[in-house]
Amino acid sequence: MWQDPIVAETRALRDEYARQFNYNSNEIFKDLMEKQAAHPERVVAFSPRKPTVSTVTAQQDTPADIRASCG
């Protein structure tokens, strides 16, 4: 089976990083949060989108309109 070298490298790096914390997800999360706090300029935050109000309304044809358009 063919392996993508980029995917293989990414998985190896992920494994190496997780191994530093004995694969403990809580410790990995703690480390990531510390790195994020140390460099707040690298964190992207998107403000919530404002809801838009549509002014277009659908017009429903009545059976009489349908008969009239048929000829």
PDB file of N, CA and C in Angstrom:
ATOM      1  N   MET A   1       0.835  -1.178   0.000  1.00  0.00           N
ATOM      2  CA  MET A   1       0.000   0.000   0.000  1.00  0.00           C
ATOM      3  C   MET A   1       0.882   1.243   0.000  1.00  0.00           C
ATOM      4  N   TRP A   2       0.507   2.233  -0.798  1.00  0.00           N
ATOM      5  CA  TRP A   2       1.274   3.460  -0.937  1.00  0.00           C
ATOM      6  C   TRP A   2       1.108   4.335   0.293  1.00  0.00           C
ATOM      7  N   GLN A   3       2.213   4.948   0.742  1.00  0.00           N
ATOM      8  CA  GLN A   3       2.161   5.860   1.881  1.00  0.00           C
ATOM      9  C   GLN A   3       2.596   7.247   1.449  1.00  0.00           C
ATOM     10  N   ASP A   4       1.847   8.221   1.869  1.00  0.00           N
ATOM     11  CA  ASP A   4       2.186   9.615   1.605  1.00  0.00           C
ATOM     12  C   ASP A   4       3.303  10.011   2.571  1.00  0.00           C
ATOM     13  N   PRO A   5       4.444  10.478   2.065  1.00  0.00           N
ATOM     14  CA  PRO A   5       5.558  10.810   2.953  1.00  0.00           C
ATOM     15  C   PRO A   5       5.244  11.971   3.900  1.00  0.00           C
ATOM     16  N   ILE A   6       4.409  12.896   3.483  1.00  0.00           N
ATOM     17  CA  ILE A   6       4.050  14.023   4.349  1.00  0.00           C
ATOM     18  C   ILE A   6       3.195  13.533   5.515  1.00  0.00           C
ATOM     19  N   VAL A   7       2.248  12.653   5.219  1.00  0.00           N
ATOM     20  CA  VAL A   7       1.399  12.091   6.275  1.00  0.00           C
ATOM     21  C   VAL A   7       2.250  11.261   7.234  1.00  0.00           C
ATOM     22  N   ALA A   8       3.169  10.480   6.698  1.00  0.00           N
ATOM     23  CA  ALA A   8       4.037   9.656   7.544  1.00  0.00           C
ATOM     24  C   ALA A   8       4.894  10.530   8.461  1.00  0.00           C
ATOM     25  N   GLU A   9       5.434  11.616   7.924  1.00  0.00           N
ATOM     26  CA  GLU A   9       6.250  12.520   8.736  1.00  0.00           C
ATOM     27  C   GLU A   9       5.405  13.196   9.817  1.00  0.00           C
ATOM     28  N   THR A  10       4.203  13.620   9.451  1.00  0.00           N
ATOM     29  CA  THR A  10       3.310  14.263  10.415  1.00  0.00           C
ATOM     30  C   THR A  10       2.959  13.311  11.552  1.00  0.00           C
ATOM     31  N   ARG A  11       2.672  12.077  11.217  1.00  0.00           N
ATOM     32  CA  ARG A  11       2.337  11.086  12.246  1.00  0.00           C
ATOM     33  C   ARG A  11       3.530  10.795  13.147  1.00  0.00           C
ATOM     34  N   ALA A  12       4.719  10.756  12.565  1.00  0.00           N
ATOM     35  CA  ALA A  12       5.923  10.512  13.365  1.00  0.00           C
ATOM     36  C   ALA A  12       6.170  11.669  14.333  1.00  0.00           C
ATOM     37  N   LEU A  13       5.981  12.896  13.864  1.00  0.00           N
ATOM     38  CA  LEU A  13       6.159  14.060  14.733  1.00  0.00           C
ATOM     39  C   LEU A  13       5.111  14.085  15.846  1.00  0.00           C
ATOM     40  N   ARG A  14       3.888  13.733  15.499  1.00  0.00           N
ATOM     41  CA  ARG A  14       2.815  13.687  16.499  1.00  0.00           C
ATOM     42  C   ARG A  14       3.132  12.640  17.564  1.00  0.00           C
ATOM     43  N   ASP A  15       3.615  11.491  17.135  1.00  0.00           N
ATOM     44  CA  ASP A  15       3.957  10.427  18.075  1.00  0.00           C
ATOM     45  C   ASP A  15       5.113  10.849  18.979  1.00  0.00           C
ATOM     46  N   GLU A  16       6.113  11.493  18.393  1.00  0.00           N
ATOM     47  CA  GLU A  16       7.261  11.962  19.170  1.00  0.00           C
ATOM     48  C   GLU A  16       6.817  12.979  20.225  1.00  0.00           C
ATOM     49  N   TYR A  17       5.919  13.887  19.845  1.00  0.00           N
ATOM     50  CA  TYR A  17       5.415  14.895  20.784  1.00  0.00           C
ATOM     51  C   TYR A  17       4.613  14.233  21.907  1.00  0.00           C
ATOM     52  N   ALA A  18       3.733  13.307  21.553  1.00  0.00           N
ATOM     53  CA  ALA A  18       2.894  12.630  22.548  1.00  0.00           C
ATOM     54  C   ALA A  18       3.737  11.770  23.490  1.00  0.00           C
ATOM     55  N   ARG A  19       4.791  11.176  22.972  1.00  0.00           N
ATOM     56  CA  ARG A  19       5.661  10.324  23.787  1.00  0.00           C
ATOM     57  C   ARG A  19       6.316  11.128  24.912  1.00  0.00           C
ATOM     58  N   GLN A  20       6.586  12.418  24.666  1.00  0.00           N
ATOM     59  CA  GLN A  20       7.187  13.274  25.696  1.00  0.00           C
ATOM     60  C   GLN A  20       6.307  13.346  26.945  1.00  0.00           C
ATOM     61  N   PHE A  21       5.009  13.164  26.755  1.00  0.00           N
ATOM     62  CA  PHE A  21       4.051  13.266  27.854  1.00  0.00           C
ATOM     63  C   PHE A  21       3.456  11.910  28.205  1.00  0.00           C
ATOM     64  N   ASN A  22       4.132  10.859  27.777  1.00  0.00           N
ATOM     65  CA  ASN A  22       3.685   9.492  28.032  1.00  0.00           C
ATOM     66  C   ASN A  22       2.253   9.273  27.516  1.00  0.00           C
ATOM     67  N   TYR A  23       1.944   9.924  26.411  1.00  0.00           N
ATOM     68  CA  TYR A  23       0.640   9.813  25.736  1.00  0.00           C
ATOM     69  C   TYR A  23      -0.526  10.240  26.633  1.00  0.00           C
ATOM     70  N   ASN A  24      -0.251  11.090  27.608  1.00  0.00           N
ATOM     71  CA  ASN A  24      -1.274  11.587  28.530  1.00  0.00           C
ATOM     72  C   ASN A  24      -1.917  12.825  27.904  1.00  0.00           C
ATOM     73  N   SER A  25      -3.167  12.703  27.496  1.00  0.00           N
ATOM     74  CA  SER A  25      -3.831  13.802  26.788  1.00  0.00           C
ATOM     75  C   SER A  25      -3.993  15.041  27.666  1.00  0.00           C
ATOM     76  N   ASN A  26      -4.163  14.857  28.964  1.00  0.00           N
ATOM     77  CA  ASN A  26      -4.275  16.019  29.857  1.00  0.00           C
ATOM     78  C   ASN A  26      -2.969  16.806  29.899  1.00  0.00           C
ATOM     79  N   GLU A  27      -1.855  16.108  29.929  1.00  0.00           N
ATOM     80  CA  GLU A  27      -0.551  16.773  29.944  1.00  0.00           C
ATOM     81  C   GLU A  27      -0.259  17.446  28.596  1.00  0.00           C
ATOM     82  N   ILE A  28      -0.654  16.810  27.521  1.00  0.00           N
ATOM     83  CA  ILE A  28      -0.475  17.405  26.190  1.00  0.00           C
ATOM     84  C   ILE A  28      -1.282  18.690  26.106  1.00  0.00           C
ATOM     85  N   PHE A  29      -2.529  18.649  26.565  1.00  0.00           N
ATOM     86  CA  PHE A  29      -3.391  19.827  26.550  1.00  0.00           C
ATOM     87  C   PHE A  29      -2.788  20.948  27.391  1.00  0.00           C
ATOM     88  N   LYS A  30      -2.292  20.594  28.572  1.00  0.00           N
ATOM     89  CA  LYS A  30      -1.673  21.579  29.462  1.00  0.00           C
ATOM     90  C   LYS A  30      -0.487  22.249  28.770  1.00  0.00           C
ATOM     91  N   ASP A  31       0.339  21.464  28.098  1.00  0.00           N
ATOM     92  CA  ASP A  31       1.497  22.008  27.389  1.00  0.00           C
ATOM     93  C   ASP A  31       1.066  22.945  26.266  1.00  0.00           C
ATOM     94  N   LEU A  32       0.054  22.549  25.527  1.00  0.00           N
ATOM     95  CA  LEU A  32      -0.426  23.394  24.432  1.00  0.00           C
ATOM     96  C   LEU A  32      -0.994  24.711  24.952  1.00  0.00           C
ATOM     97  N   MET A  33      -1.713  24.656  26.062  1.00  0.00           N
ATOM     98  CA  MET A  33      -2.269  25.876  26.645  1.00  0.00           C
ATOM     99  C   MET A  33      -1.159  26.800  27.147  1.00  0.00           C
ATOM    100  N   GLU A  34      -0.096  26.229  27.702  1.00  0.00           N
ATOM    101  CA  GLU A  34       1.042  27.037  28.150  1.00  0.00           C
ATOM    102  C   GLU A  34       1.725  27.708  26.963  1.00  0.00           C
ATOM    103  N   LYS A  35       1.889  26.971  25.874  1.00  0.00           N
ATOM    104  CA  LYS A  35       2.497  27.553  24.675  1.00  0.00           C
ATOM    105  C   LYS A  35       1.615  28.664  24.110  1.00  0.00           C
ATOM    106  N   GLN A  36       0.312  28.452  24.148  1.00  0.00           N
ATOM    107  CA  GLN A  36      -0.620  29.455  23.646  1.00  0.00           C
ATOM    108  C   GLN A  36      -0.552  30.721  24.506  1.00  0.00           C
ATOM    109  N   ALA A  37      -0.473  30.565  25.822  1.00  0.00           N
ATOM    110  CA  ALA A  37      -0.404  31.709  26.730  1.00  0.00           C
ATOM    111  C   ALA A  37       0.912  32.467  26.564  1.00  0.00           C
ATOM    112  N   ALA A  38       1.974  31.752  26.234  1.00  0.00           N
ATOM    113  CA  ALA A  38       3.282  32.380  26.066  1.00  0.00           C
ATOM    114  C   ALA A  38       3.358  33.214  24.793  1.00  0.00           C
ATOM    115  N   HIS A  39       2.525  32.895  23.809  1.00  0.00           N
ATOM    116  CA  HIS A  39       2.547  33.601  22.523  1.00  0.00           C
ATOM    117  C   HIS A  39       1.125  33.957  22.084  1.00  0.00           C
ATOM    118  N   PRO A  40       0.472  34.889  22.776  1.00  0.00           N
ATOM    119  CA  PRO A  40      -0.921  35.210  22.422  1.00  0.00           C
ATOM    120  C   PRO A  40      -1.058  35.822  21.031  1.00  0.00           C
ATOM    121  N   GLU A  41       0.021  36.390  20.510  1.00  0.00           N
ATOM    122  CA  GLU A  41      -0.049  36.988  19.170  1.00  0.00           C
ATOM    123  C   GLU A  41      -0.192  35.931  18.075  1.00  0.00           C
ATOM    124  N   ARG A  42       0.055  34.684  18.397  1.00  0.00           N
ATOM    125  CA  ARG A  42      -0.051  33.606  17.410  1.00  0.00           C
ATOM    126  C   ARG A  42      -1.429  32.942  17.399  1.00  0.00           C
ATOM    127  N   VAL A  43      -2.296  33.369  18.293  1.00  0.00           N
ATOM    128  CA  VAL A  43      -3.615  32.757  18.400  1.00  0.00           C
ATOM    129  C   VAL A  43      -4.605  33.555  17.559  1.00  0.00           C
ATOM    130  N   VAL A  44      -5.324  32.874  16.709  1.00  0.00           N
ATOM    131  CA  VAL A  44      -6.327  33.521  15.868  1.00  0.00           C
ATOM    132  C   VAL A  44      -7.678  33.399  16.547  1.00  0.00           C
ATOM    133  N   ALA A  45      -8.345  34.519  16.697  1.00  0.00           N
ATOM    134  CA  ALA A  45      -9.684  34.512  17.293  1.00  0.00           C
ATOM    135  C   ALA A  45     -10.633  35.216  16.332  1.00  0.00           C
ATOM    136  N   PHE A  46     -11.688  34.557  16.006  1.00  0.00           N
ATOM    137  CA  PHE A  46     -12.687  35.130  15.121  1.00  0.00           C
ATOM    138  C   PHE A  46     -13.856  35.620  15.957  1.00  0.00           C
ATOM    139  N   SER A  47     -14.296  36.846  15.686  1.00  0.00           N
ATOM    140  CA  SER A  47     -15.476  37.325  16.393  1.00  0.00           C
ATOM    141  C   SER A  47     -16.705  36.652  15.793  1.00  0.00           C
ATOM    142  N   PRO A  48     -17.735  36.448  16.601  1.00  0.00           N
ATOM    143  CA  PRO A  48     -18.920  35.767  16.074  1.00  0.00           C
ATOM    144  C   PRO A  48     -19.579  36.587  14.975  1.00  0.00           C
ATOM    145  N   ARG A  49     -20.116  35.895  14.008  1.00  0.00           N
ATOM    146  CA  ARG A  49     -20.795  36.570  12.904  1.00  0.00           C
ATOM    147  C   ARG A  49     -22.140  37.106  13.373  1.00  0.00           C
ATOM    148  N   LYS A  50     -22.471  38.280  12.877  1.00  0.00           N
ATOM    149  CA  LYS A  50     -23.774  38.844  13.183  1.00  0.00           C
ATOM    150  C   LYS A  50     -24.796  38.192  12.263  1.00  0.00           C
ATOM    151  N   PRO A  51     -25.943  37.825  12.798  1.00  0.00           N
ATOM    152  CA  PRO A  51     -26.960  37.209  11.938  1.00  0.00           C
ATOM    153  C   PRO A  51     -27.487  38.224  10.929  1.00  0.00           C
ATOM    154  N   THR A  52     -27.731  37.760   9.734  1.00  0.00           N
ATOM    155  CA  THR A  52     -28.287  38.630   8.704  1.00  0.00           C
ATOM    156  C   THR A  52     -29.768  38.341   8.560  1.00  0.00           C
ATOM    157  N   VAL A  53     -30.512  39.384   8.266  1.00  0.00           N
ATOM    158  CA  VAL A  53     -31.949  39.248   8.093  1.00  0.00           C
ATOM    159  C   VAL A  53     -32.249  39.345   6.611  1.00  0.00           C
ATOM    160  N   SER A  54     -32.909  38.352   6.104  1.00  0.00           N
ATOM    161  CA  SER A  54     -33.262  38.332   4.692  1.00  0.00           C
ATOM    162  C   SER A  54     -34.575  39.073   4.498  1.00  0.00           C
ATOM    163  N   THR A  55     -34.615  39.926   3.479  1.00  0.00           N
ATOM    164  CA  THR A  55     -35.846  40.669   3.198  1.00  0.00           C
ATOM    165  C   THR A  55     -36.627  40.044   2.055  1.00  0.00           C
ATOM    166  N   VAL A  56     -36.110  38.998   1.480  1.00  0.00           N
ATOM    167  CA  VAL A  56     -36.778  38.329   0.368  1.00  0.00           C
ATOM    168  C   VAL A  56     -37.818  37.373   0.932  1.00  0.00           C
ATOM    169  N   THR A  57     -39.022  37.454   0.405  1.00  0.00           N
ATOM    170  CA  THR A  57     -40.075  36.534   0.830  1.00  0.00           C
ATOM    171  C   THR A  57     -40.508  35.709  -0.363  1.00  0.00           C
ATOM    172  N   ALA A  58     -40.821  34.483  -0.111  1.00  0.00           N
ATOM    173  CA  ALA A  58     -41.252  33.587  -1.182  1.00  0.00           C
ATOM    174  C   ALA A  58     -42.736  33.797  -1.439  1.00  0.00           C
ATOM    175  N   GLN A  59     -43.099  33.746  -2.712  1.00  0.00           N
ATOM    176  CA  GLN A  59     -44.504  33.873  -3.075  1.00  0.00           C
ATOM    177  C   GLN A  59     -44.997  32.498  -3.481  1.00  0.00           C
ATOM    178  N   GLN A  60     -46.051  32.077  -2.865  1.00  0.00           N
ATOM    179  CA  GLN A  60     -46.596  30.761  -3.165  1.00  0.00           C
ATOM    180  C   GLN A  60     -47.743  30.922  -4.154  1.00  0.00           C
ATOM    181  N   ASP A  61     -47.672  30.166  -5.246  1.00  0.00           N
ATOM    182  CA  ASP A  61     -48.735  30.217  -6.248  1.00  0.00           C
ATOM    183  C   ASP A  61     -49.960  29.465  -5.744  1.00  0.00           C
ATOM    184  N   THR A  62     -51.110  30.008  -6.076  1.00  0.00           N
ATOM    185  CA  THR A  62     -52.364  29.327  -5.756  1.00  0.00           C
ATOM    186  C   THR A  62     -52.730  28.441  -6.932  1.00  0.00           C
ATOM    187  N   PRO A  63     -53.619  27.483  -6.749  1.00  0.00           N
ATOM    188  CA  PRO A  63     -54.033  26.640  -7.880  1.00  0.00           C
ATOM    189  C   PRO A  63     -54.560  27.459  -9.058  1.00  0.00           C
ATOM    190  N   ALA A  64     -55.222  28.570  -8.805  1.00  0.00           N
ATOM    191  CA  ALA A  64     -55.736  29.410  -9.892  1.00  0.00           C
ATOM    192  C   ALA A  64     -54.590  30.025 -10.680  1.00  0.00           C
ATOM    193  N   ASP A  65     -53.529  30.448 -10.003  1.00  0.00           N
ATOM    194  CA  ASP A  65     -52.369  31.013 -10.686  1.00  0.00           C
ATOM    195  C   ASP A  65     -51.704  29.972 -11.574  1.00  0.00           C
ATOM    196  N   ILE A  66     -51.636  28.752 -11.086  1.00  0.00           N
ATOM    197  CA  ILE A  66     -51.005  27.673 -11.854  1.00  0.00           C
ATOM    198  C   ILE A  66     -51.825  27.376 -13.106  1.00  0.00           C
ATOM    199  N   ARG A  67     -53.162  27.305 -12.973  1.00  0.00           N
ATOM    200  CA  ARG A  67     -54.026  27.042 -14.138  1.00  0.00           C
ATOM    201  C   ARG A  67     -53.913  28.165 -15.155  1.00  0.00           C
ATOM    202  N   ALA A  68     -53.820  29.406 -14.699  1.00  0.00           N
ATOM    203  CA  ALA A  68     -53.742  30.548 -15.609  1.00  0.00           C
ATOM    204  C   ALA A  68     -52.433  30.538 -16.378  1.00  0.00           C
ATOM    205  N   SER A  69     -51.370  30.093 -15.751  1.00  0.00           N
ATOM    206  CA  SER A  69     -50.077  30.097 -16.432  1.00  0.00           C
ATOM    207  C   SER A  69     -49.944  28.955 -17.426  1.00  0.00           C
ATOM    208  N   CYS A  70     -50.811  27.946 -17.313  1.00  0.00           N
ATOM    209  CA  CYS A  70     -50.744  26.796 -18.215  1.00  0.00           C
ATOM    210  C   CYS A  70     -51.437  27.078 -19.551  1.00  0.00           C
ATOM    211  N   GLY A  71     -52.180  28.126 -19.644  1.00  0.00           N
ATOM    212  CA  GLY A  71     -52.686  28.456 -20.930  1.00  0.00           C
ATOM    213  C   GLY A  71     -54.109  28.480 -21.135  1.00  0.00           C
TER     214      GLY A  71
END
